[in-house]
C-alpha cells in the first residue's frame, strides 16, 4: 500500500483539487491528512473525500511526522495540500515502488506551477537546475520514499520549516531520483509576492538555514 501524507492548515481552497486527483488514481492507497488546527473547512472536506484526518500541533515537520506515524503503507508519498500530481503520476510511482533497488532511494516530481506566465516557466527551469545540480528538491515536489528508508533516516524532524531540506540532505543527492511526472503547485504566493522577490526570499532562507541561523528568524523572513 502507498500512504499519501498531506499536512494542512486552513487549506480548504486548494485541498479538494489535490484530493480529487489522488482519488482518481488506480493505486491501492490511503490518504492521511495531518491537520494543524485549521479554522476553515479543511478537516471536513478531507474527511468527506475519504481521507483519514488526524490532529497535530501546527508545524509542517511535526505534521508530516505525525501523518507518517499514523499511516500503514509500506511506501510513503508526502505532498503539500496545494500540490497536484500531474498526468501519469500513478504509473511512474508504481514503477518506482516495484524496483527492489529503490528501497533505499527516494523520488520527487518535476516542479510545475499552475500559471501560464513566462516567469513561471523560467522559475521551473531554475528549480530543475537546483534539483539536478544541488540535489535539493523542495516539499512542493512531493517525496516518495519506502517506510524502511524513512525509518532508517529517522523520519521528518518536528521543525516549523526547512523540514524538506533537512530530509533531502539526509537522503543525499545520489539517492534522490526525479520522477517522469510533474507536481503542479499553486502559484498564488508567487503572484502575490512576485516572481523575483519570492524566490529571492526562499534563497535567503535556505542560505541562512545552511549557515545555522535560528529557525525562528528564518520563519519570520519566510512569512
N, C-alpha and C. Protein backbone atom coordinates (compact mmCIF):
# COMPACT_ATOMS: atom_id res chain seq x y z
N UNK A 1 0.84 -1.20 0.00
CA UNK A 1 0.00 0.00 0.00
C UNK A 1 0.87 1.25 0.00
N UNK A 2 0.39 2.27 -0.70
CA UNK A 2 1.01 3.59 -0.68
C UNK A 2 0.20 4.49 0.25
N UNK A 3 0.87 5.05 1.24
CA UNK A 3 0.23 6.02 2.14
C UNK A 3 0.62 7.42 1.69
N UNK A 4 -0.38 8.25 1.41
CA UNK A 4 -0.14 9.62 0.99
C UNK A 4 -0.42 10.53 2.17
N UNK A 5 0.59 11.26 2.60
CA UNK A 5 0.50 12.10 3.79
C UNK A 5 0.49 13.57 3.37
N UNK A 6 -0.53 14.29 3.83
CA UNK A 6 -0.70 15.69 3.45
C UNK A 6 -0.84 16.53 4.72
N UNK A 7 0.10 17.44 4.99
CA UNK A 7 -0.07 18.36 6.12
C UNK A 7 -0.96 19.53 5.71
N UNK A 8 -1.86 19.93 6.56
CA UNK A 8 -2.77 21.02 6.20
C UNK A 8 -2.90 22.03 7.32
N UNK A 9 -3.19 23.25 6.92
CA UNK A 9 -3.56 24.32 7.84
C UNK A 9 -4.34 25.35 7.03
N UNK A 10 -5.65 25.40 7.25
CA UNK A 10 -6.53 26.31 6.51
C UNK A 10 -6.33 26.16 5.01
N UNK A 11 -6.46 24.94 4.53
CA UNK A 11 -6.17 24.60 3.14
C UNK A 11 -7.43 24.28 2.34
N UNK A 12 -8.58 24.79 2.76
CA UNK A 12 -9.84 24.42 2.13
C UNK A 12 -9.93 24.83 0.67
N UNK A 13 -9.17 25.83 0.26
CA UNK A 13 -9.25 26.30 -1.13
C UNK A 13 -8.56 25.32 -2.08
N UNK A 14 -7.36 24.90 -1.76
CA UNK A 14 -6.59 24.07 -2.69
C UNK A 14 -6.70 22.58 -2.47
N UNK A 15 -7.06 22.16 -1.27
CA UNK A 15 -7.05 20.73 -0.94
C UNK A 15 -8.02 19.88 -1.77
N UNK A 16 -9.25 20.31 -2.03
CA UNK A 16 -10.18 19.44 -2.77
C UNK A 16 -9.64 19.00 -4.13
N UNK A 17 -8.99 19.89 -4.87
CA UNK A 17 -8.44 19.51 -6.17
C UNK A 17 -7.34 18.46 -6.02
N UNK A 18 -6.53 18.61 -5.00
CA UNK A 18 -5.47 17.63 -4.75
C UNK A 18 -6.07 16.28 -4.41
N UNK A 19 -7.05 16.26 -3.54
CA UNK A 19 -7.68 15.00 -3.14
C UNK A 19 -8.40 14.34 -4.31
N UNK A 20 -9.03 15.14 -5.17
CA UNK A 20 -9.72 14.59 -6.34
C UNK A 20 -8.72 13.92 -7.28
N UNK A 21 -7.57 14.55 -7.49
CA UNK A 21 -6.53 13.96 -8.34
C UNK A 21 -6.03 12.65 -7.76
N UNK A 22 -5.78 12.62 -6.48
CA UNK A 22 -5.28 11.41 -5.84
C UNK A 22 -6.32 10.30 -5.86
N UNK A 23 -7.58 10.68 -5.65
CA UNK A 23 -8.64 9.67 -5.61
C UNK A 23 -8.91 9.02 -6.94
N UNK A 24 -8.52 9.68 -8.04
CA UNK A 24 -8.77 9.14 -9.37
C UNK A 24 -7.71 8.14 -9.80
N UNK A 25 -6.66 7.99 -9.02
CA UNK A 25 -5.55 7.10 -9.41
C UNK A 25 -5.91 5.64 -9.17
N UNK A 26 -5.40 4.78 -10.04
CA UNK A 26 -5.62 3.35 -9.88
C UNK A 26 -4.48 2.76 -9.06
N UNK A 27 -4.47 3.12 -7.80
CA UNK A 27 -3.45 2.65 -6.87
C UNK A 27 -4.14 2.26 -5.58
N UNK A 28 -3.53 1.29 -4.89
CA UNK A 28 -4.03 0.92 -3.57
C UNK A 28 -3.42 1.90 -2.57
N UNK A 29 -4.20 2.89 -2.18
CA UNK A 29 -3.66 3.96 -1.34
C UNK A 29 -4.55 4.22 -0.14
N UNK A 30 -3.93 4.86 0.84
CA UNK A 30 -4.67 5.53 1.89
C UNK A 30 -4.17 6.97 1.91
N UNK A 31 -5.05 7.88 2.25
CA UNK A 31 -4.69 9.29 2.34
C UNK A 31 -4.85 9.73 3.79
N UNK A 32 -3.76 10.22 4.35
CA UNK A 32 -3.75 10.69 5.74
C UNK A 32 -3.52 12.20 5.73
N UNK A 33 -4.47 12.95 6.23
CA UNK A 33 -4.35 14.39 6.32
C UNK A 33 -4.03 14.75 7.77
N UNK A 34 -2.84 15.31 7.98
CA UNK A 34 -2.42 15.73 9.31
C UNK A 34 -2.72 17.22 9.44
N UNK A 35 -3.79 17.52 10.14
CA UNK A 35 -4.27 18.91 10.19
C UNK A 35 -3.74 19.62 11.43
N UNK A 36 -3.20 20.81 11.19
CA UNK A 36 -2.59 21.57 12.27
C UNK A 36 -3.52 22.53 12.98
N UNK A 37 -4.83 22.23 12.97
CA UNK A 37 -5.78 23.08 13.67
C UNK A 37 -6.46 24.10 12.78
N UNK A 38 -6.87 23.67 11.60
CA UNK A 38 -7.49 24.59 10.64
C UNK A 38 -8.76 25.21 11.20
N UNK A 39 -8.93 26.51 10.91
CA UNK A 39 -10.14 27.21 11.32
C UNK A 39 -11.20 27.20 10.23
N UNK A 40 -10.84 26.71 9.04
CA UNK A 40 -11.81 26.65 7.95
C UNK A 40 -12.33 25.22 7.81
N UNK A 41 -12.83 24.87 6.63
CA UNK A 41 -13.47 23.57 6.44
C UNK A 41 -12.50 22.47 5.99
N UNK A 42 -11.21 22.68 6.16
CA UNK A 42 -10.22 21.72 5.68
C UNK A 42 -10.49 20.31 6.16
N UNK A 43 -10.65 20.13 7.46
CA UNK A 43 -10.82 18.79 8.03
C UNK A 43 -12.10 18.13 7.51
N UNK A 44 -13.18 18.89 7.41
CA UNK A 44 -14.45 18.33 6.94
C UNK A 44 -14.34 17.91 5.47
N UNK A 45 -13.71 18.73 4.65
CA UNK A 45 -13.54 18.40 3.24
C UNK A 45 -12.69 17.15 3.07
N UNK A 46 -11.64 17.05 3.86
CA UNK A 46 -10.77 15.88 3.77
C UNK A 46 -11.51 14.62 4.17
N UNK A 47 -12.25 14.68 5.26
CA UNK A 47 -12.99 13.51 5.73
C UNK A 47 -14.07 13.11 4.72
N UNK A 48 -14.73 14.10 4.13
CA UNK A 48 -15.78 13.81 3.16
C UNK A 48 -15.22 13.12 1.92
N UNK A 49 -13.95 13.34 1.61
CA UNK A 49 -13.33 12.72 0.44
C UNK A 49 -12.87 11.29 0.72
N UNK A 50 -12.94 10.88 1.98
CA UNK A 50 -12.49 9.54 2.34
C UNK A 50 -11.12 9.51 2.98
N UNK A 51 -10.48 10.67 3.12
CA UNK A 51 -9.17 10.71 3.77
C UNK A 51 -9.34 10.53 5.28
N UNK A 52 -8.29 10.02 5.91
CA UNK A 52 -8.26 9.92 7.36
C UNK A 52 -7.61 11.18 7.91
N UNK A 53 -8.31 11.88 8.78
CA UNK A 53 -7.83 13.14 9.33
C UNK A 53 -7.32 12.91 10.74
N UNK A 54 -6.08 13.32 10.99
CA UNK A 54 -5.54 13.23 12.34
C UNK A 54 -5.14 14.63 12.79
N UNK A 55 -5.42 14.98 14.05
CA UNK A 55 -5.00 16.30 14.55
C UNK A 55 -3.51 16.30 14.89
N UNK A 56 -2.90 17.45 14.71
CA UNK A 56 -1.48 17.58 15.01
C UNK A 56 -1.20 19.02 15.39
N UNK A 57 -0.26 19.25 16.28
CA UNK A 57 0.17 20.64 16.52
C UNK A 57 0.66 21.25 15.20
N UNK A 58 0.43 22.54 14.98
CA UNK A 58 0.87 23.16 13.72
C UNK A 58 2.39 23.16 13.60
N UNK A 59 2.84 23.07 12.38
CA UNK A 59 4.27 22.98 12.09
C UNK A 59 4.48 21.84 11.11
N UNK A 60 4.91 22.15 9.89
CA UNK A 60 4.88 21.16 8.82
C UNK A 60 5.70 19.92 9.14
N UNK A 61 6.88 20.09 9.73
CA UNK A 61 7.70 18.93 10.05
C UNK A 61 7.01 17.99 11.00
N UNK A 62 6.43 18.53 12.06
CA UNK A 62 5.72 17.70 13.02
C UNK A 62 4.48 17.06 12.43
N UNK A 63 3.78 17.79 11.56
CA UNK A 63 2.59 17.23 10.92
C UNK A 63 2.95 16.08 9.99
N UNK A 64 4.03 16.23 9.22
CA UNK A 64 4.46 15.16 8.34
C UNK A 64 4.85 13.93 9.15
N UNK A 65 5.56 14.15 10.25
CA UNK A 65 5.96 13.03 11.10
C UNK A 65 4.74 12.34 11.70
N UNK A 66 3.76 13.13 12.14
CA UNK A 66 2.55 12.55 12.73
C UNK A 66 1.76 11.76 11.69
N UNK A 67 1.67 12.30 10.47
CA UNK A 67 0.96 11.58 9.42
C UNK A 67 1.63 10.28 9.06
N UNK A 68 2.95 10.28 9.00
CA UNK A 68 3.69 9.06 8.69
C UNK A 68 3.49 8.02 9.79
N UNK A 69 3.52 8.46 11.03
CA UNK A 69 3.34 7.53 12.14
C UNK A 69 1.95 6.91 12.14
N UNK A 70 0.95 7.67 11.72
CA UNK A 70 -0.42 7.17 11.72
C UNK A 70 -0.73 6.29 10.51
N UNK A 71 0.10 6.33 9.49
CA UNK A 71 -0.17 5.60 8.25
C UNK A 71 0.31 4.16 8.35
N UNK A 72 -0.13 3.33 7.39
CA UNK A 72 0.19 1.90 7.46
C UNK A 72 0.89 1.39 6.20
N UNK A 73 1.07 2.23 5.18
CA UNK A 73 1.64 1.77 3.93
C UNK A 73 3.12 1.44 4.02
N UNK A 74 3.55 0.54 3.15
CA UNK A 74 4.97 0.21 3.05
C UNK A 74 5.73 1.31 2.32
N UNK A 75 5.00 2.14 1.58
CA UNK A 75 5.58 3.29 0.90
C UNK A 75 4.84 4.55 1.33
N UNK A 76 5.57 5.67 1.35
CA UNK A 76 5.02 6.94 1.77
C UNK A 76 5.21 7.98 0.67
N UNK A 77 4.16 8.74 0.40
CA UNK A 77 4.26 9.87 -0.51
C UNK A 77 3.80 11.11 0.25
N UNK A 78 4.72 12.04 0.46
CA UNK A 78 4.41 13.27 1.17
C UNK A 78 4.11 14.36 0.15
N UNK A 79 2.96 15.01 0.32
CA UNK A 79 2.52 16.05 -0.61
C UNK A 79 2.03 17.27 0.15
N UNK A 80 2.20 18.44 -0.45
CA UNK A 80 1.59 19.65 0.09
C UNK A 80 0.12 19.70 -0.33
N UNK A 81 -0.67 20.41 0.43
CA UNK A 81 -2.11 20.44 0.19
C UNK A 81 -2.48 21.10 -1.13
N UNK A 82 -1.63 22.01 -1.62
CA UNK A 82 -1.94 22.71 -2.88
C UNK A 82 -1.12 22.16 -4.05
N UNK A 83 -0.63 20.93 -3.93
CA UNK A 83 0.18 20.30 -4.97
C UNK A 83 -0.56 19.10 -5.54
N UNK A 84 -0.75 19.10 -6.86
CA UNK A 84 -1.46 18.01 -7.53
C UNK A 84 -0.51 17.26 -8.46
N UNK A 85 -0.34 15.97 -8.26
CA UNK A 85 0.47 15.21 -9.22
C UNK A 85 -0.13 15.30 -10.62
N UNK A 86 0.72 15.41 -11.63
CA UNK A 86 0.28 15.58 -13.00
C UNK A 86 -0.05 14.27 -13.68
N UNK A 87 -0.45 14.33 -14.96
CA UNK A 87 -0.83 13.13 -15.70
C UNK A 87 0.27 12.06 -15.67
N UNK A 88 -0.17 10.81 -15.49
CA UNK A 88 0.75 9.69 -15.49
C UNK A 88 1.48 9.46 -14.18
N UNK A 89 1.15 10.24 -13.16
CA UNK A 89 1.91 10.16 -11.92
C UNK A 89 1.82 8.79 -11.27
N UNK A 90 0.63 8.18 -11.28
CA UNK A 90 0.47 6.89 -10.58
C UNK A 90 1.29 5.79 -11.25
N UNK A 91 1.42 5.86 -12.57
CA UNK A 91 2.21 4.85 -13.28
C UNK A 91 3.68 4.94 -12.91
N UNK A 92 4.24 6.16 -12.90
CA UNK A 92 5.66 6.28 -12.57
C UNK A 92 5.91 5.97 -11.09
N UNK A 93 4.96 6.26 -10.24
CA UNK A 93 5.10 5.91 -8.83
C UNK A 93 5.10 4.40 -8.65
N UNK A 94 4.19 3.72 -9.34
CA UNK A 94 4.15 2.26 -9.26
C UNK A 94 5.46 1.65 -9.74
N UNK A 95 5.99 2.17 -10.83
CA UNK A 95 7.25 1.64 -11.36
C UNK A 95 8.39 1.83 -10.36
N UNK A 96 8.42 2.98 -9.74
CA UNK A 96 9.48 3.24 -8.76
C UNK A 96 9.37 2.29 -7.58
N UNK A 97 8.16 2.10 -7.08
CA UNK A 97 7.98 1.23 -5.92
C UNK A 97 8.27 -0.23 -6.24
N UNK A 98 8.08 -0.61 -7.50
CA UNK A 98 8.26 -2.01 -7.90
C UNK A 98 9.72 -2.40 -8.06
N UNK A 99 10.61 -1.42 -8.14
CA UNK A 99 12.03 -1.71 -8.34
C UNK A 99 12.71 -1.97 -6.99
N UNK A 100 13.20 -3.18 -6.75
CA UNK A 100 13.80 -3.51 -5.44
C UNK A 100 14.94 -2.58 -5.04
N UNK A 101 15.71 -2.10 -5.99
CA UNK A 101 16.85 -1.23 -5.67
C UNK A 101 16.42 0.11 -5.09
N UNK A 102 15.14 0.45 -5.24
CA UNK A 102 14.67 1.74 -4.77
C UNK A 102 14.26 1.75 -3.30
N UNK A 103 14.38 0.64 -2.63
CA UNK A 103 14.04 0.59 -1.21
C UNK A 103 14.84 1.63 -0.43
N UNK A 104 16.08 1.83 -0.82
CA UNK A 104 16.92 2.82 -0.14
C UNK A 104 17.22 4.02 -1.05
N UNK A 105 16.20 4.40 -1.81
CA UNK A 105 16.24 5.64 -2.58
C UNK A 105 14.93 6.38 -2.32
N UNK A 106 14.89 7.63 -2.73
CA UNK A 106 13.67 8.43 -2.65
C UNK A 106 13.49 9.16 -3.97
N UNK A 107 12.26 9.55 -4.27
CA UNK A 107 11.96 10.17 -5.56
C UNK A 107 11.12 11.43 -5.36
N UNK A 108 11.18 12.30 -6.36
CA UNK A 108 10.42 13.55 -6.32
C UNK A 108 9.89 13.86 -7.71
N UNK A 109 8.81 14.63 -7.77
CA UNK A 109 8.19 15.04 -9.02
C UNK A 109 8.91 16.26 -9.60
N UNK A 110 8.71 16.48 -10.88
CA UNK A 110 9.20 17.70 -11.52
C UNK A 110 8.31 18.87 -11.11
N UNK A 111 8.94 19.98 -10.79
CA UNK A 111 8.23 21.16 -10.31
C UNK A 111 7.48 21.85 -11.44
N UNK A 112 6.23 22.22 -11.17
CA UNK A 112 5.43 22.99 -12.13
C UNK A 112 4.47 23.89 -11.35
N UNK A 113 4.08 24.99 -11.97
CA UNK A 113 3.14 25.93 -11.37
C UNK A 113 1.90 26.06 -12.25
N UNK A 114 0.77 26.33 -11.62
CA UNK A 114 -0.49 26.47 -12.37
C UNK A 114 -0.64 27.91 -12.87
N UNK A 115 0.36 28.36 -13.59
CA UNK A 115 0.39 29.73 -14.09
C UNK A 115 1.07 29.69 -15.47
N UNK A 116 0.39 30.17 -16.53
CA UNK A 116 0.99 30.13 -17.86
C UNK A 116 2.01 31.23 -18.11
N UNK A 117 2.25 32.09 -17.13
CA UNK A 117 3.15 33.23 -17.33
C UNK A 117 4.58 32.77 -17.63
N UNK A 118 5.29 33.49 -18.50
CA UNK A 118 6.69 33.15 -18.79
C UNK A 118 7.55 33.10 -17.53
N UNK A 119 7.25 33.95 -16.56
CA UNK A 119 8.04 33.94 -15.31
C UNK A 119 7.92 32.61 -14.60
N UNK A 120 6.76 31.97 -14.67
CA UNK A 120 6.58 30.66 -14.04
C UNK A 120 7.43 29.61 -14.74
N UNK A 121 7.49 29.67 -16.07
CA UNK A 121 8.32 28.71 -16.81
C UNK A 121 9.80 28.91 -16.50
N UNK A 122 10.23 30.17 -16.36
CA UNK A 122 11.63 30.42 -16.01
C UNK A 122 11.96 29.86 -14.63
N UNK A 123 11.03 30.05 -13.69
CA UNK A 123 11.25 29.53 -12.35
C UNK A 123 11.33 28.00 -12.37
N UNK A 124 10.51 27.36 -13.17
CA UNK A 124 10.56 25.91 -13.28
C UNK A 124 11.93 25.44 -13.76
N UNK A 125 12.52 26.16 -14.70
CA UNK A 125 13.85 25.79 -15.18
C UNK A 125 14.91 25.97 -14.09
N UNK A 126 14.76 27.01 -13.30
CA UNK A 126 15.70 27.22 -12.18
C UNK A 126 15.59 26.09 -11.17
N UNK A 127 14.36 25.70 -10.86
CA UNK A 127 14.16 24.60 -9.90
C UNK A 127 14.73 23.31 -10.44
N UNK A 128 14.55 23.06 -11.74
CA UNK A 128 15.11 21.86 -12.35
C UNK A 128 16.63 21.85 -12.21
N UNK A 129 17.26 22.99 -12.43
CA UNK A 129 18.72 23.09 -12.26
C UNK A 129 19.12 22.82 -10.82
N UNK A 130 18.38 23.42 -9.88
CA UNK A 130 18.70 23.23 -8.45
C UNK A 130 18.63 21.76 -8.06
N UNK A 131 17.63 21.06 -8.57
CA UNK A 131 17.47 19.64 -8.23
C UNK A 131 18.60 18.80 -8.84
N UNK A 132 18.90 19.04 -10.12
CA UNK A 132 19.92 18.24 -10.80
C UNK A 132 21.33 18.52 -10.27
N UNK A 133 21.59 19.80 -9.99
CA UNK A 133 22.95 20.19 -9.62
C UNK A 133 23.21 20.07 -8.12
N UNK A 134 22.26 20.51 -7.32
CA UNK A 134 22.45 20.54 -5.88
C UNK A 134 21.76 19.40 -5.14
N UNK A 135 20.85 18.69 -5.82
CA UNK A 135 20.12 17.62 -5.14
C UNK A 135 19.22 18.16 -4.05
N UNK A 136 18.50 19.27 -4.36
CA UNK A 136 17.65 19.91 -3.35
C UNK A 136 16.22 20.12 -3.86
N UNK A 137 15.47 19.06 -4.07
CA UNK A 137 14.04 19.25 -4.33
C UNK A 137 13.35 19.72 -3.05
N UNK A 138 12.32 20.54 -3.20
CA UNK A 138 11.58 21.04 -2.05
C UNK A 138 10.29 20.23 -1.86
N UNK A 139 9.60 20.52 -0.77
CA UNK A 139 8.40 19.78 -0.43
C UNK A 139 7.28 19.92 -1.43
N UNK A 140 7.25 21.03 -2.20
CA UNK A 140 6.19 21.19 -3.20
C UNK A 140 6.43 20.34 -4.43
N UNK A 141 7.46 19.48 -4.40
CA UNK A 141 7.69 18.49 -5.46
C UNK A 141 7.34 17.08 -4.98
N UNK A 142 6.81 16.99 -3.78
CA UNK A 142 6.49 15.69 -3.22
C UNK A 142 7.74 14.92 -2.84
N UNK A 143 7.57 13.87 -2.06
CA UNK A 143 8.67 12.97 -1.72
C UNK A 143 8.11 11.57 -1.58
N UNK A 144 8.60 10.66 -2.41
CA UNK A 144 8.20 9.25 -2.39
C UNK A 144 9.34 8.45 -1.79
N UNK A 145 9.05 7.71 -0.74
CA UNK A 145 10.10 7.00 -0.01
C UNK A 145 9.52 5.76 0.66
N UNK A 146 10.30 4.70 0.70
CA UNK A 146 9.83 3.49 1.38
C UNK A 146 9.83 3.74 2.89
N UNK A 147 8.95 3.06 3.59
CA UNK A 147 8.93 3.22 5.04
C UNK A 147 10.24 2.72 5.65
N UNK A 148 10.81 1.68 5.03
CA UNK A 148 12.08 1.16 5.52
C UNK A 148 13.15 2.24 5.52
N UNK A 149 13.27 2.95 4.41
CA UNK A 149 14.27 4.01 4.30
C UNK A 149 13.91 5.20 5.18
N UNK A 150 12.62 5.54 5.22
CA UNK A 150 12.16 6.65 6.05
C UNK A 150 12.52 6.41 7.52
N UNK A 151 12.24 5.21 8.00
CA UNK A 151 12.56 4.89 9.39
C UNK A 151 14.07 4.87 9.61
N UNK A 152 14.79 4.37 8.63
CA UNK A 152 16.25 4.32 8.73
C UNK A 152 16.83 5.73 8.90
N UNK A 153 16.23 6.71 8.21
CA UNK A 153 16.70 8.09 8.28
C UNK A 153 16.24 8.82 9.54
N UNK A 154 15.29 8.24 10.25
CA UNK A 154 14.76 8.88 11.44
C UNK A 154 13.55 9.74 11.21
N UNK A 155 13.01 9.72 9.98
CA UNK A 155 11.77 10.44 9.69
C UNK A 155 11.95 11.95 9.65
N UNK A 156 10.83 12.63 9.43
CA UNK A 156 10.84 14.09 9.44
C UNK A 156 11.05 14.58 10.87
N UNK A 157 11.84 15.62 10.99
CA UNK A 157 12.06 16.22 12.30
C UNK A 157 10.99 17.28 12.55
N UNK A 158 10.53 17.42 13.80
CA UNK A 158 9.43 18.34 14.10
C UNK A 158 9.88 19.79 14.14
N UNK A 159 10.25 20.31 12.96
CA UNK A 159 10.67 21.70 12.86
C UNK A 159 9.65 22.46 12.01
N UNK A 160 9.49 23.77 12.25
CA UNK A 160 8.39 24.51 11.61
C UNK A 160 8.59 24.78 10.13
N UNK A 161 9.82 24.76 9.64
CA UNK A 161 10.10 24.95 8.22
C UNK A 161 11.49 24.38 7.94
N UNK A 162 11.81 24.26 6.66
CA UNK A 162 13.05 23.63 6.21
C UNK A 162 13.09 22.14 6.51
N UNK A 163 11.94 21.58 6.85
CA UNK A 163 11.89 20.14 7.09
C UNK A 163 12.19 19.35 5.83
N UNK A 164 11.83 19.93 4.66
CA UNK A 164 12.11 19.25 3.40
C UNK A 164 13.60 19.26 3.08
N UNK A 165 14.25 20.40 3.30
CA UNK A 165 15.70 20.49 3.06
C UNK A 165 16.45 19.57 4.02
N UNK A 166 16.04 19.57 5.27
CA UNK A 166 16.66 18.69 6.27
C UNK A 166 16.57 17.23 5.83
N UNK A 167 15.42 16.83 5.33
CA UNK A 167 15.22 15.43 4.94
C UNK A 167 16.04 15.08 3.69
N UNK A 168 15.99 15.89 2.65
CA UNK A 168 16.70 15.52 1.42
C UNK A 168 18.21 15.56 1.61
N UNK A 169 18.69 16.39 2.53
CA UNK A 169 20.13 16.38 2.81
C UNK A 169 20.53 15.08 3.49
N UNK A 170 19.66 14.53 4.31
CA UNK A 170 19.95 13.23 4.93
C UNK A 170 19.85 12.10 3.90
N UNK A 171 18.93 12.24 2.96
CA UNK A 171 18.82 11.24 1.90
C UNK A 171 20.08 11.25 1.03
N UNK A 172 20.51 12.43 0.64
CA UNK A 172 21.71 12.57 -0.18
C UNK A 172 21.39 12.59 -1.66
N UNK A 173 22.12 13.41 -2.40
CA UNK A 173 21.87 13.61 -3.81
C UNK A 173 21.89 12.31 -4.60
N UNK A 174 22.81 11.41 -4.31
CA UNK A 174 22.96 10.17 -5.09
C UNK A 174 21.79 9.21 -4.89
N UNK A 175 21.02 9.42 -3.84
CA UNK A 175 19.89 8.53 -3.56
C UNK A 175 18.55 9.20 -3.86
N UNK A 176 18.58 10.33 -4.58
CA UNK A 176 17.37 11.03 -4.98
C UNK A 176 17.14 10.84 -6.48
N UNK A 177 15.93 10.47 -6.84
CA UNK A 177 15.60 10.14 -8.23
C UNK A 177 14.45 11.03 -8.71
N UNK A 178 14.61 11.75 -9.84
CA UNK A 178 13.49 12.52 -10.39
C UNK A 178 12.50 11.59 -11.09
N UNK A 179 11.23 11.80 -10.84
CA UNK A 179 10.18 11.03 -11.50
C UNK A 179 9.78 11.69 -12.81
N UNK A 180 9.36 10.88 -13.76
CA UNK A 180 8.96 11.39 -15.07
C UNK A 180 7.50 11.84 -15.05
N UNK A 181 7.17 12.69 -14.10
CA UNK A 181 5.83 13.26 -13.98
C UNK A 181 5.95 14.55 -13.18
N UNK A 182 5.02 15.45 -13.42
CA UNK A 182 5.05 16.75 -12.74
C UNK A 182 4.20 16.73 -11.47
N UNK A 183 4.53 17.65 -10.58
CA UNK A 183 3.65 18.01 -9.47
C UNK A 183 3.31 19.48 -9.69
N UNK A 184 2.04 19.76 -9.88
CA UNK A 184 1.59 21.12 -10.19
C UNK A 184 1.14 21.81 -8.91
N UNK A 185 1.83 22.88 -8.56
CA UNK A 185 1.59 23.59 -7.31
C UNK A 185 0.95 24.95 -7.58
N UNK A 186 0.14 25.41 -6.66
CA UNK A 186 -0.47 26.73 -6.78
C UNK A 186 0.61 27.81 -6.85
N UNK A 187 0.44 28.73 -7.78
CA UNK A 187 1.39 29.84 -7.93
C UNK A 187 0.96 31.07 -7.15
N UNK A 188 -0.02 30.93 -6.27
CA UNK A 188 -0.59 32.08 -5.58
C UNK A 188 0.47 32.90 -4.85
N UNK A 189 1.37 32.25 -4.12
CA UNK A 189 2.35 33.03 -3.36
C UNK A 189 3.32 33.76 -4.27
N UNK A 190 3.60 33.21 -5.47
CA UNK A 190 4.48 33.90 -6.42
C UNK A 190 3.75 35.08 -7.06
N UNK A 191 2.48 34.90 -7.38
CA UNK A 191 1.71 36.01 -7.93
C UNK A 191 1.56 37.12 -6.89
N UNK A 192 1.42 36.73 -5.63
CA UNK A 192 1.23 37.70 -4.56
C UNK A 192 2.53 38.45 -4.24
N UNK A 193 3.63 37.71 -4.08
CA UNK A 193 4.89 38.30 -3.64
C UNK A 193 5.81 38.69 -4.79
N UNK A 194 5.56 38.14 -5.98
CA UNK A 194 6.40 38.46 -7.13
C UNK A 194 7.34 37.33 -7.48
N UNK A 195 7.56 37.15 -8.78
CA UNK A 195 8.41 36.06 -9.25
C UNK A 195 9.90 36.33 -9.05
N UNK A 196 10.24 37.53 -8.61
CA UNK A 196 11.62 37.81 -8.24
C UNK A 196 11.78 37.79 -6.73
N UNK A 197 10.88 38.46 -6.02
CA UNK A 197 11.03 38.58 -4.57
C UNK A 197 10.84 37.25 -3.86
N UNK A 198 9.81 36.48 -4.25
CA UNK A 198 9.55 35.23 -3.53
C UNK A 198 10.71 34.24 -3.65
N UNK A 199 11.22 33.97 -4.86
CA UNK A 199 12.39 33.08 -4.94
C UNK A 199 13.62 33.63 -4.21
N UNK A 200 13.77 34.97 -4.24
CA UNK A 200 14.91 35.56 -3.54
C UNK A 200 14.80 35.34 -2.03
N UNK A 201 13.59 35.50 -1.50
CA UNK A 201 13.38 35.24 -0.08
C UNK A 201 13.62 33.77 0.25
N UNK A 202 13.14 32.89 -0.63
CA UNK A 202 13.37 31.45 -0.41
C UNK A 202 14.86 31.14 -0.39
N UNK A 203 15.60 31.74 -1.32
CA UNK A 203 17.04 31.51 -1.38
C UNK A 203 17.74 32.06 -0.13
N UNK A 204 17.30 33.23 0.32
CA UNK A 204 17.87 33.80 1.54
C UNK A 204 17.61 32.88 2.73
N UNK A 205 16.38 32.36 2.84
CA UNK A 205 16.05 31.45 3.93
C UNK A 205 16.91 30.19 3.87
N UNK A 206 17.10 29.65 2.68
CA UNK A 206 17.93 28.46 2.53
C UNK A 206 19.36 28.75 2.97
N UNK A 207 19.91 29.87 2.53
CA UNK A 207 21.27 30.22 2.90
C UNK A 207 21.43 30.39 4.41
N UNK A 208 20.47 31.07 5.03
CA UNK A 208 20.52 31.25 6.48
C UNK A 208 20.42 29.91 7.21
N UNK A 209 19.56 29.04 6.71
CA UNK A 209 19.42 27.72 7.33
C UNK A 209 20.73 26.93 7.25
N UNK A 210 21.36 26.95 6.08
CA UNK A 210 22.61 26.20 5.90
C UNK A 210 23.73 26.79 6.76
N UNK A 211 23.62 28.08 7.08
CA UNK A 211 24.61 28.73 7.94
C UNK A 211 24.31 28.54 9.43
N UNK A 212 23.17 27.91 9.72
CA UNK A 212 22.83 27.62 11.11
C UNK A 212 22.09 28.71 11.84
N UNK A 213 21.43 29.60 11.09
CA UNK A 213 20.66 30.67 11.73
C UNK A 213 19.46 30.10 12.47
N UNK A 214 18.97 30.79 13.50
CA UNK A 214 17.80 30.30 14.25
C UNK A 214 16.58 30.16 13.34
N UNK A 215 15.85 29.07 13.52
CA UNK A 215 14.67 28.84 12.69
C UNK A 215 13.61 29.91 12.89
N UNK A 216 13.52 30.47 14.10
CA UNK A 216 12.53 31.50 14.36
C UNK A 216 12.79 32.73 13.50
N UNK A 217 14.06 33.08 13.31
CA UNK A 217 14.39 34.21 12.45
C UNK A 217 14.07 33.90 10.99
N UNK A 218 14.42 32.69 10.55
CA UNK A 218 14.16 32.31 9.16
C UNK A 218 12.66 32.29 8.90
N UNK A 219 11.89 31.81 9.87
CA UNK A 219 10.44 31.73 9.71
C UNK A 219 9.85 33.12 9.53
N UNK A 220 10.36 34.11 10.25
CA UNK A 220 9.88 35.47 10.11
C UNK A 220 10.12 36.02 8.72
N UNK A 221 11.29 35.73 8.16
CA UNK A 221 11.62 36.19 6.81
C UNK A 221 10.73 35.47 5.79
N UNK A 222 10.55 34.17 5.96
CA UNK A 222 9.76 33.39 5.01
C UNK A 222 8.33 33.88 4.93
N UNK A 223 7.76 34.24 6.06
CA UNK A 223 6.37 34.68 6.09
C UNK A 223 6.20 36.12 5.62
